Protein backbone atom coordinates (compact mmCIF):
# COMPACT_ATOMS: atom_id res chain seq x y z
CA MET A 1 92.97 87.57 103.43
CA LYS A 2 96.10 89.14 104.43
CA THR A 3 97.84 92.19 102.02
CA LYS A 4 101.47 90.15 100.97
CA LEU A 5 102.65 94.23 99.22
CA MET A 6 102.42 96.87 101.21
CA SER A 7 100.71 99.92 100.07
CA LEU A 8 103.64 101.92 98.93
CA PHE A 9 103.06 104.07 102.14
CA LEU A 10 101.23 102.56 104.58
CA LEU A 11 102.35 104.16 107.59
CA SER A 12 105.52 105.91 115.25
CA ALA A 13 106.10 104.48 119.00
CA GLY A 14 109.31 102.50 118.63
CA LEU A 15 111.23 100.53 120.75
CA PHE A 16 115.03 103.24 120.98
CA PRO A 17 115.10 106.93 121.34
CA ALA A 18 114.43 109.79 119.01
CA GLY A 19 117.30 110.23 117.04
CA TYR A 20 118.37 106.77 116.53
CA ALA A 21 120.00 105.52 112.98
CA GLN A 22 121.58 101.90 114.30
CA GLN A 23 122.95 100.77 110.51
CA SER A 24 124.27 97.08 110.94
CA GLY A 25 127.56 98.38 110.31
CA ILE A 26 126.31 98.86 106.99
CA SER A 27 128.57 101.45 104.70
CA PHE A 28 127.61 103.09 101.74
CA PRO A 29 130.47 103.81 98.65
CA GLN A 30 128.44 106.92 98.75
CA THR A 31 126.56 107.87 95.41
CA GLN A 32 124.26 110.79 95.24
CA ALA A 33 121.53 108.40 95.98
CA GLU A 34 122.97 107.35 99.45
CA LYS A 35 123.98 110.35 100.82
CA LYS A 36 120.41 111.27 100.39
CA VAL A 37 118.55 107.93 101.47
CA GLU A 38 121.32 108.20 104.65
CA ALA A 39 120.20 111.54 105.60
CA TYR A 40 116.37 110.28 105.09
CA ILE A 41 116.44 107.84 106.93
CA LYS A 42 117.83 109.14 110.38
CA ALA A 43 115.43 111.86 109.66
CA PHE A 44 112.62 109.33 109.85
CA ASN A 45 113.68 108.05 113.04
CA ALA A 46 114.92 110.82 114.88
CA GLY A 47 110.74 112.35 113.51
CA GLU A 48 108.69 115.74 111.92
CA ALA A 49 110.23 117.90 112.71
CA GLU A 50 112.96 116.46 111.12
CA ILE A 51 111.41 114.41 108.34
CA ARG A 52 109.06 118.01 107.52
CA GLU A 53 113.34 119.06 107.78
CA PHE A 54 114.61 116.39 104.76
CA PHE A 55 111.32 116.70 102.17
CA GLY A 56 111.37 119.91 102.37
CA ALA A 57 115.03 120.53 101.48
CA HIS A 58 115.56 117.18 99.46
CA THR A 59 112.84 116.29 97.01
CA ALA A 60 112.65 117.46 93.61
CA LYS A 61 110.08 120.73 93.19
CA ASP A 62 107.80 118.80 90.08
CA ALA A 63 107.40 115.57 93.02
CA LEU A 64 105.93 118.31 95.92
CA GLN A 65 103.86 119.64 93.72
CA LYS A 66 101.90 116.75 92.82
CA ILE A 67 102.41 115.43 95.83
CA PRO A 68 102.70 117.99 99.23
CA LEU A 69 104.03 118.15 101.94
CA GLU A 70 100.88 117.73 104.19
CA THR A 71 100.31 114.33 102.04
CA ARG A 72 104.42 113.38 102.58
CA LEU A 73 104.09 113.83 106.55
CA ALA A 74 100.93 111.85 106.33
CA ARG A 75 102.13 109.06 104.87
CA TYR A 76 105.86 109.05 107.35
CA ARG A 77 103.18 108.79 109.95
CA GLN A 78 101.41 105.84 108.88
CA MET A 79 105.20 104.42 108.63
CA HIS A 80 106.36 105.73 111.56
CA GLU A 81 103.62 103.75 113.23
CA ARG A 82 103.35 100.39 111.32
CA LEU A 83 107.26 100.11 111.26
CA GLY A 84 109.03 101.76 114.34
CA PHE A 85 112.27 103.21 114.09
CA LEU A 86 114.19 101.95 110.61
CA GLU A 87 117.65 99.97 110.72
CA ILE A 88 119.34 99.11 107.02
CA ARG A 89 120.09 95.70 106.79
CA LYS A 90 121.75 95.46 103.09
CA VAL A 91 122.21 97.80 100.38
CA VAL A 92 120.73 96.12 97.05
CA GLU A 93 121.34 98.75 93.86
CA THR A 94 122.78 102.19 94.80
CA ARG A 95 122.95 104.77 91.46
CA ASN A 96 122.56 108.51 91.83
CA ASP A 97 119.60 108.66 90.53
CA TYR A 98 118.26 105.33 92.58
CA ALA A 99 118.75 103.52 96.23
CA SER A 100 117.50 100.01 96.47
CA ILE A 101 118.00 98.52 100.62
CA VAL A 102 115.61 96.51 103.19
CA ALA A 103 115.63 97.60 106.56
CA ARG A 104 114.42 96.30 109.62
CA GLY A 105 111.44 98.06 111.77
CA SER A 106 111.47 98.21 115.54
CA ASN A 107 108.22 96.92 115.77
CA GLY A 108 109.29 93.85 113.38
CA PRO A 109 108.78 94.33 110.15
CA ILE A 110 111.10 94.02 107.46
CA VAL A 111 110.20 96.20 103.76
CA GLN A 112 112.47 96.35 101.05
CA MET A 113 112.75 100.27 100.25
CA GLU A 114 113.61 102.25 96.82
CA PHE A 115 113.79 105.24 96.79
CA ASP A 116 113.91 107.81 93.25
CA PHE A 117 115.53 110.85 92.11
CA GLU A 118 116.45 112.90 90.16
CA PRO A 119 118.51 111.91 86.96
CA ALA A 120 120.57 115.18 87.44
CA GLU A 121 121.70 117.43 89.85
CA PRO A 122 120.45 118.10 92.45
CA PHE A 123 119.10 115.12 92.13
CA GLY A 124 115.79 115.75 94.67
CA LEU A 125 113.08 113.23 95.64
CA ILE A 126 110.88 111.70 92.78
CA GLY A 127 108.73 108.91 95.43
CA ILE A 128 109.43 106.15 97.63
CA ARG A 129 107.87 102.59 97.53
CA VAL A 130 108.31 100.13 100.60
CA MET A 131 107.15 96.83 100.36
CA ASP A 132 106.84 93.82 102.59
CA ALA A 133 110.67 91.39 102.08
CA GLY A 134 108.99 88.85 104.28
CA GLU A 135 109.90 86.79 101.24
CA GLU A 136 113.66 86.88 99.84
CA LEU A 137 113.33 89.49 97.21
CA PRO A 138 114.58 88.84 93.17
CA PRO A 139 117.63 91.04 92.67
CA ALA A 140 117.28 94.28 90.69
CA ASN A 141 118.35 93.12 86.92
CA PRO A 142 116.43 95.98 84.97
CA LYS A 143 116.03 94.88 81.18
CA LYS A 144 117.08 98.21 78.69
CA ASP A 145 114.29 98.47 77.38
CA ASN A 146 110.32 97.03 76.63
CA ILE A 147 111.78 95.20 74.56
CA GLU A 148 113.80 93.02 76.34
CA LEU A 149 111.08 93.34 79.53
CA ILE A 150 108.32 91.60 77.43
CA ALA A 151 110.51 88.10 76.36
CA ALA A 152 111.46 88.32 80.41
CA ILE A 153 107.96 87.93 80.98
CA LYS A 154 106.73 85.26 78.81
CA ASP A 155 109.60 82.57 78.82
CA TYR A 156 109.16 83.71 83.07
CA ALA A 157 105.41 82.99 83.20
CA GLN A 158 105.80 80.09 80.22
CA LYS A 159 108.40 78.60 83.00
CA ILE A 160 106.04 78.90 86.14
CA SER A 161 102.38 77.53 84.76
CA GLY A 162 104.58 74.83 82.71
CA THR A 163 104.87 73.40 86.64
CA ASP A 164 101.28 74.04 87.69
CA GLU A 165 102.88 77.32 89.68
CA PHE A 166 101.12 79.77 88.28
CA SER A 167 97.41 80.63 87.02
CA GLY A 168 95.83 83.26 86.22
CA VAL A 169 96.59 86.49 84.17
CA ILE A 170 99.48 89.08 83.90
CA LEU A 171 99.07 92.37 82.93
CA VAL A 172 101.86 94.96 82.48
CA ALA A 173 101.06 98.42 81.41
CA GLN A 174 103.08 102.02 80.64
CA ASN A 175 101.01 105.65 80.59
CA GLY A 176 97.66 103.29 80.59
CA LYS A 177 98.67 101.73 77.47
CA SER A 178 98.62 97.85 77.52
CA LEU A 179 102.14 96.47 76.67
CA PHE A 180 102.07 92.72 77.60
CA ALA A 181 98.73 90.80 78.08
CA GLU A 182 97.80 87.50 78.37
CA ALA A 183 95.99 84.22 80.64
CA TYR A 184 97.59 81.26 81.70
CA GLY A 185 96.23 77.55 83.26
CA TYR A 186 92.29 76.87 83.93
CA ALA A 187 89.85 78.93 85.55
CA ASP A 188 88.11 75.53 85.71
CA ARG A 189 90.42 72.46 85.51
CA GLU A 190 87.59 69.97 85.76
CA LYS A 191 85.79 71.53 83.05
CA LYS A 192 89.35 72.24 82.02
CA ILE A 193 87.69 75.52 80.89
CA PRO A 194 91.27 78.54 80.52
CA ASN A 195 91.55 82.18 82.07
CA ARG A 196 91.50 85.10 79.53
CA VAL A 197 92.66 88.05 79.95
CA ASP A 198 89.05 88.97 81.14
CA THR A 199 88.56 86.12 83.60
CA LYS A 200 87.17 87.41 87.10
CA PHE A 201 89.19 86.79 90.03
CA ASN A 202 88.90 86.82 93.57
CA ILE A 203 91.27 89.39 94.75
CA GLY A 204 91.12 88.95 98.25
CA SER A 205 92.12 91.81 100.46
CA ILE A 206 92.90 94.25 97.57
CA ASN A 207 89.15 95.36 98.09
CA LYS A 208 90.87 96.72 101.75
CA SER A 209 91.87 99.64 99.45
CA PHE A 210 88.17 100.25 98.15
CA THR A 211 87.18 100.33 101.57
CA SER A 212 89.57 102.89 102.07
CA LEU A 213 88.90 104.84 99.65
CA ALA A 214 85.31 105.41 100.37
CA ILE A 215 86.50 105.98 104.24
CA ARG A 216 88.36 109.03 103.12
CA GLN A 217 86.02 110.21 100.29
CA LEU A 218 83.09 110.39 103.49
CA ILE A 219 85.97 111.72 105.72
CA GLU A 220 86.14 114.77 102.14
CA GLN A 221 82.30 115.10 102.43
CA LYS A 222 83.03 115.54 106.28
CA LYS A 223 80.10 112.65 106.80
CA ILE A 224 83.34 110.73 108.99
CA ALA A 225 86.60 112.51 110.75
CA LEU A 226 89.44 110.62 111.67
CA SER A 227 88.68 110.95 115.83
CA ASP A 228 85.15 109.26 115.31
CA PRO A 229 84.70 106.65 117.37
CA ILE A 230 83.20 103.60 116.56
CA LYS A 231 79.57 103.81 118.42
CA LYS A 232 78.81 107.40 116.89
CA TYR A 233 77.85 105.17 114.17
CA LEU A 234 77.07 101.75 114.95
CA PRO A 235 75.20 102.46 118.84
CA ASP A 236 74.91 99.01 119.15
CA TYR A 237 78.84 97.64 118.86
CA PRO A 238 79.13 94.68 120.40
CA ASN A 239 81.56 95.70 122.96
CA SER A 240 80.83 98.96 124.39
CA ASP A 241 85.09 99.31 125.53
CA ALA A 242 85.58 99.08 121.44
CA ALA A 243 82.72 101.35 120.45
CA ALA A 244 83.92 103.84 122.75
CA LYS A 245 88.09 103.93 122.29
CA VAL A 246 87.95 102.76 118.60
CA THR A 247 88.29 105.79 116.07
CA VAL A 248 88.12 105.63 112.47
CA ARG A 249 91.95 106.34 111.81
CA HIS A 250 92.43 103.56 114.19
CA LEU A 251 91.25 101.45 111.85
CA LEU A 252 92.21 102.35 108.69
CA GLU A 253 95.62 102.21 110.11
CA MET A 254 95.22 98.23 111.53
CA THR A 255 95.96 100.16 115.62
CA SER A 256 92.40 99.21 116.90
CA GLY A 257 93.25 96.15 118.72
CA ILE A 258 90.86 94.16 117.01
CA GLY A 259 91.42 91.19 116.01
CA ASP A 260 90.15 88.92 112.96
CA PHE A 261 87.14 87.11 111.72
CA PHE A 262 89.21 84.32 110.99
CA GLY A 263 89.39 81.73 113.18
CA ASN A 264 87.21 79.03 115.31
CA ARG A 265 84.21 80.78 114.95
CA TYR A 266 84.70 81.63 111.30
CA GLU A 267 86.30 77.18 111.03
CA SER A 268 82.42 76.16 112.92
CA THR A 269 79.61 78.81 110.82
CA PRO A 270 78.26 77.17 107.92
CA LYS A 271 79.98 79.77 105.20
CA GLU A 272 77.00 80.05 102.62
CA LYS A 273 75.22 81.92 106.03
CA ILE A 274 77.29 85.03 105.29
CA ARG A 275 76.23 87.23 103.20
CA SER A 276 76.02 90.67 104.61
CA LEU A 277 78.53 92.56 106.45
CA ALA A 278 76.52 92.15 109.75
CA ASP A 279 77.03 88.51 109.33
CA TYR A 280 80.48 88.70 109.51
CA LEU A 281 79.98 91.10 113.37
CA PRO A 282 79.77 87.95 115.21
CA LEU A 283 82.53 86.12 114.28
CA PHE A 284 84.79 88.51 116.51
CA ALA A 285 83.00 92.41 117.71
CA ASP A 286 82.00 90.49 120.78
CA LYS A 287 86.07 89.55 121.82
CA GLN A 288 87.79 92.05 124.45
CA LEU A 289 90.15 94.40 122.55
CA GLU A 290 93.68 92.16 121.83
CA PHE A 291 95.65 95.52 122.76
CA GLU A 292 94.75 99.35 123.92
CA PRO A 293 93.89 101.50 120.14
CA GLY A 294 97.10 103.06 118.85
CA THR A 295 100.34 101.40 121.37
CA LYS A 296 100.35 98.44 118.31
CA ASN A 297 99.80 97.60 114.71
CA GLN A 298 98.03 94.34 114.06
CA TYR A 299 96.41 93.35 110.58
CA SER A 300 93.12 93.53 111.47
CA ASN A 301 90.03 92.10 108.84
CA GLY A 302 88.10 92.47 111.50
CA GLY A 303 87.55 95.91 111.34
CA TYR A 304 87.92 96.72 107.85
CA ILE A 305 84.20 94.76 108.55
CA VAL A 306 83.13 97.89 111.14
CA LEU A 307 84.83 100.24 108.66
CA GLY A 308 81.62 99.34 105.80
CA LEU A 309 79.30 99.27 108.86
CA ILE A 310 80.85 102.49 108.93
CA ILE A 311 80.24 103.47 105.37
CA GLU A 312 77.28 102.50 105.03
CA LYS A 313 76.22 104.39 108.27
CA ALA A 314 77.31 108.11 107.25
CA SER A 315 76.52 106.87 103.12
CA GLY A 316 73.18 105.15 103.64
CA GLU A 317 73.77 103.31 100.85
CA ASP A 318 74.90 99.11 101.18
CA TYR A 319 78.16 99.28 101.42
CA TYR A 320 78.45 97.17 97.61
CA ALA A 321 76.13 99.62 96.04
CA TYR A 322 78.64 102.49 97.15
CA VAL A 323 81.57 101.18 95.85
CA ARG A 324 79.84 100.04 93.16
CA LYS A 325 78.62 103.63 92.63
CA HIS A 326 81.22 105.87 93.75
CA ILE A 327 84.46 103.77 92.85
CA TYR A 328 83.79 101.66 90.40
CA LYS A 329 81.37 104.15 88.56
CA PRO A 330 84.31 107.19 87.91
CA ALA A 331 86.97 104.08 87.33
CA GLY A 332 84.76 103.06 84.66
CA MET A 333 85.53 98.87 86.55
CA LEU A 334 82.54 97.66 84.93
CA ASP A 335 83.65 93.61 85.75
CA SER A 336 83.57 93.93 89.38
CA ASP A 337 81.91 92.70 91.87
CA TRP A 338 81.45 91.06 95.25
CA TYR A 339 79.55 87.43 94.11
CA ASP A 340 78.01 84.85 96.02
CA LYS A 341 79.45 82.03 96.71
CA ASP A 342 77.58 79.34 94.77
CA SER A 343 75.60 82.19 91.70
CA ASN A 344 77.08 80.82 88.61
CA VAL A 345 79.07 83.47 87.09
CA PRO A 346 79.84 83.79 83.67
CA ASN A 347 84.22 83.43 83.08
CA ARG A 348 85.13 83.29 86.93
CA ALA A 349 87.89 81.88 87.81
CA LEU A 350 87.27 79.06 90.69
CA GLY A 351 89.95 78.85 93.31
CA TYR A 352 92.80 76.03 94.26
CA THR A 353 94.66 75.40 97.30
CA ARG A 354 96.84 72.60 97.19
CA ASP A 355 97.11 69.28 99.45
CA GLY A 356 100.28 68.16 99.19
CA SER A 357 101.16 68.01 95.34
CA THR A 358 97.94 67.79 94.33
CA LEU A 359 95.21 71.30 93.94
CA LYS A 360 92.07 70.81 95.48
CA SER A 361 88.94 72.99 95.48
CA ASN A 362 89.05 76.63 98.13
CA TYR A 363 84.94 76.30 97.93
CA PRO A 364 84.96 75.25 101.38
CA SER A 365 86.90 78.01 102.78
CA LEU A 366 84.99 80.34 101.28
CA PRO A 367 82.23 82.77 102.44
CA GLY A 368 78.49 82.93 100.94
CA ARG A 369 79.65 86.77 100.28
CA GLY A 370 82.69 88.69 100.50
CA SER A 371 83.12 92.06 102.56
CA SER A 372 84.92 95.34 102.83
CA ALA A 373 87.99 93.20 104.19
CA GLY A 374 88.14 91.85 100.55
CA GLY A 375 86.45 88.65 98.59
CA GLY A 376 85.51 90.79 96.37
CA TYR A 377 86.04 89.92 92.80
CA SER A 378 88.01 91.96 89.49
CA THR A 379 89.84 91.86 86.05
CA ALA A 380 92.81 92.66 85.10
CA GLY A 381 91.67 95.18 83.25
CA ASP A 382 89.63 96.86 85.75
CA LEU A 383 92.70 96.70 88.24
CA LEU A 384 94.30 99.08 85.75
CA LYS A 385 91.74 101.83 85.06
CA TYR A 386 91.21 101.35 88.89
CA THR A 387 95.32 102.65 88.88
CA ILE A 388 94.43 105.08 85.66
CA ALA A 389 92.03 107.33 87.72
CA LEU A 390 93.73 107.41 91.25
CA ASN A 391 96.94 108.17 89.37
CA GLU A 392 94.72 110.44 87.15
CA GLY A 393 93.01 112.18 90.09
CA LYS A 394 89.15 110.56 89.06
CA PHE A 395 87.90 110.34 93.39
CA GLY A 396 88.90 113.89 94.11
CA GLY A 397 91.91 114.90 96.83
CA THR A 398 90.71 111.27 98.24
CA SER A 399 93.38 109.74 95.51
CA GLU A 400 96.27 111.26 96.61
CA ASP A 401 98.35 109.73 98.60
CA MET A 402 98.24 106.59 96.04
CA ARG A 403 99.39 109.16 92.89
CA GLY A 404 102.98 109.00 93.88
CA GLY A 405 102.98 105.00 93.64
CA PHE A 406 102.48 102.00 95.46
CA GLY A 407 101.66 98.50 95.79
CA ILE A 408 98.57 95.79 97.49
CA ALA A 409 98.17 92.57 97.47
CA GLY A 410 95.49 90.09 98.62
CA GLY A 411 95.77 86.64 99.06
CA ALA A 412 93.74 82.80 101.37
CA PRO A 413 93.56 79.69 100.29
CA GLY A 414 92.81 79.36 96.54
CA ILE A 415 93.63 83.62 96.11
CA ASN A 416 96.38 85.48 94.82
CA ALA A 417 96.24 89.16 93.70
CA ALA A 418 98.77 91.42 92.66
CA LEU A 419 99.11 95.47 92.29
CA ASP A 420 101.71 97.65 91.44
CA TRP A 421 101.64 101.09 90.21
CA ASP A 422 105.63 102.48 89.34
CA GLN A 423 105.14 106.21 89.48
CA LYS A 424 109.02 106.74 87.48
CA SER A 425 108.50 103.76 85.42
CA ALA A 426 105.15 104.97 84.76
CA CYS A 427 104.64 101.46 85.08
CA ALA A 428 101.47 99.95 86.18
CA ILE A 429 101.50 95.54 86.90
CA VAL A 430 98.58 93.87 87.59
CA VAL A 431 98.63 89.56 88.86
CA LEU A 432 95.76 87.80 89.58
CA SER A 433 96.28 84.08 90.05
CA ASN A 434 93.45 81.63 91.84
CA PHE A 435 96.33 79.50 93.24
CA ASP A 436 97.80 80.30 96.68
CA PRO A 437 99.83 83.04 97.52
CA PRO A 438 102.36 84.34 96.49
CA SER A 439 101.81 82.69 93.24
CA ALA A 440 100.60 86.50 91.97
CA ALA A 441 102.52 87.92 94.50
CA ARG A 442 105.15 86.70 93.50
CA VAL A 443 105.60 87.57 89.45
CA ALA A 444 104.47 91.03 90.61
CA ARG A 445 107.55 91.01 92.10
CA GLN A 446 109.94 89.71 89.33
CA ILE A 447 108.55 92.50 86.93
CA HIS A 448 109.50 95.16 89.25
CA SER A 449 112.26 93.87 89.09
CA TRP A 450 112.80 93.74 85.35
CA LEU A 451 111.02 97.23 84.95
CA PRO A 452 113.84 99.50 82.13
CA ARG A 453 115.31 102.74 84.44
């Protein structure tokens, strides 16, 4: 259930010396935004002192009040940890108040970065979005207003659903109010039950956002510290080396060296027996670390299983109950939960994966129940409520990191979900699909490219 759109500011050591700022011969035409982007890339590669100076000198005052300097520096550390040093590969679009570039990190990832600035002097930085550019991104084509935007979405959705490229729900809202919400395709193809706007979809790794938020809540309550090793909470963890070396920070930032639970063991295990977080441990926890913690970034579903178990120990609550009580309830998310795969859940979409030119059920690949790494269910409306709750700070200081905007997604066979919050336009995009990736993520990216600016 690997994330396809990176969290807006998911944030080390790279392969090039301090101050590295290679740009592959890219020449900017030097609008106000481009000058600041060049300065940002140089500061990003030079180190924390330089990026601190950049944020202090070039961030809009209002934006700095909403998201303070220390929060921006924390985001920078996460980005640098994951990406390494940045090399600009392409300039997508530029104006005085906006710039979009494609950059390659020295650690390997290719990302699209969008910079929003104030529309007038001094053109202060408002925010930065970072999105995975593993698949070719649609060209920016902002619509003149919401009427034109909605018309474009309708035409596009009818086309891709008509050719069986998409089945699911598309919701676009501005300032928390829906602009567009439509359902396409079938929740159950055999019974010809159509998807509805309030249908429950498997959201894959979007659940990791809830796990991360729960950890940060417990840190704020001083029940967990980022420097705590696994063994503090799980003294019987099967790998004593990992238990001693891997910290909560490593798990959150996916620099732990703990691998995935998907693989041969998962394939050979009767999926119906995987019903609790503890049931996932035998699939990965006794394996050797794949690298020394903190030296590399690698996607890890296993690490987020461990985080879920740490939440249980630190809070004294079952993981699923904790998220319901402390995240879903405050946000008003009444239609979100982890359901047993064999339970009868009204209005739940079944997943369909492609086998050549045909679609078949993804049921055999699903665990008995989802986890802190993914596999829970939600609706488009509930994910909009989550976005609103984050933006309004309903989770306290723990939600501050995501108030400037974000893009997150999850996917697996027969599962794809994307949630996008654009600060400048105050637009939220929720796309849920019961088809394979990138059925939802591609739609979200296309809609984002059309947002009026």
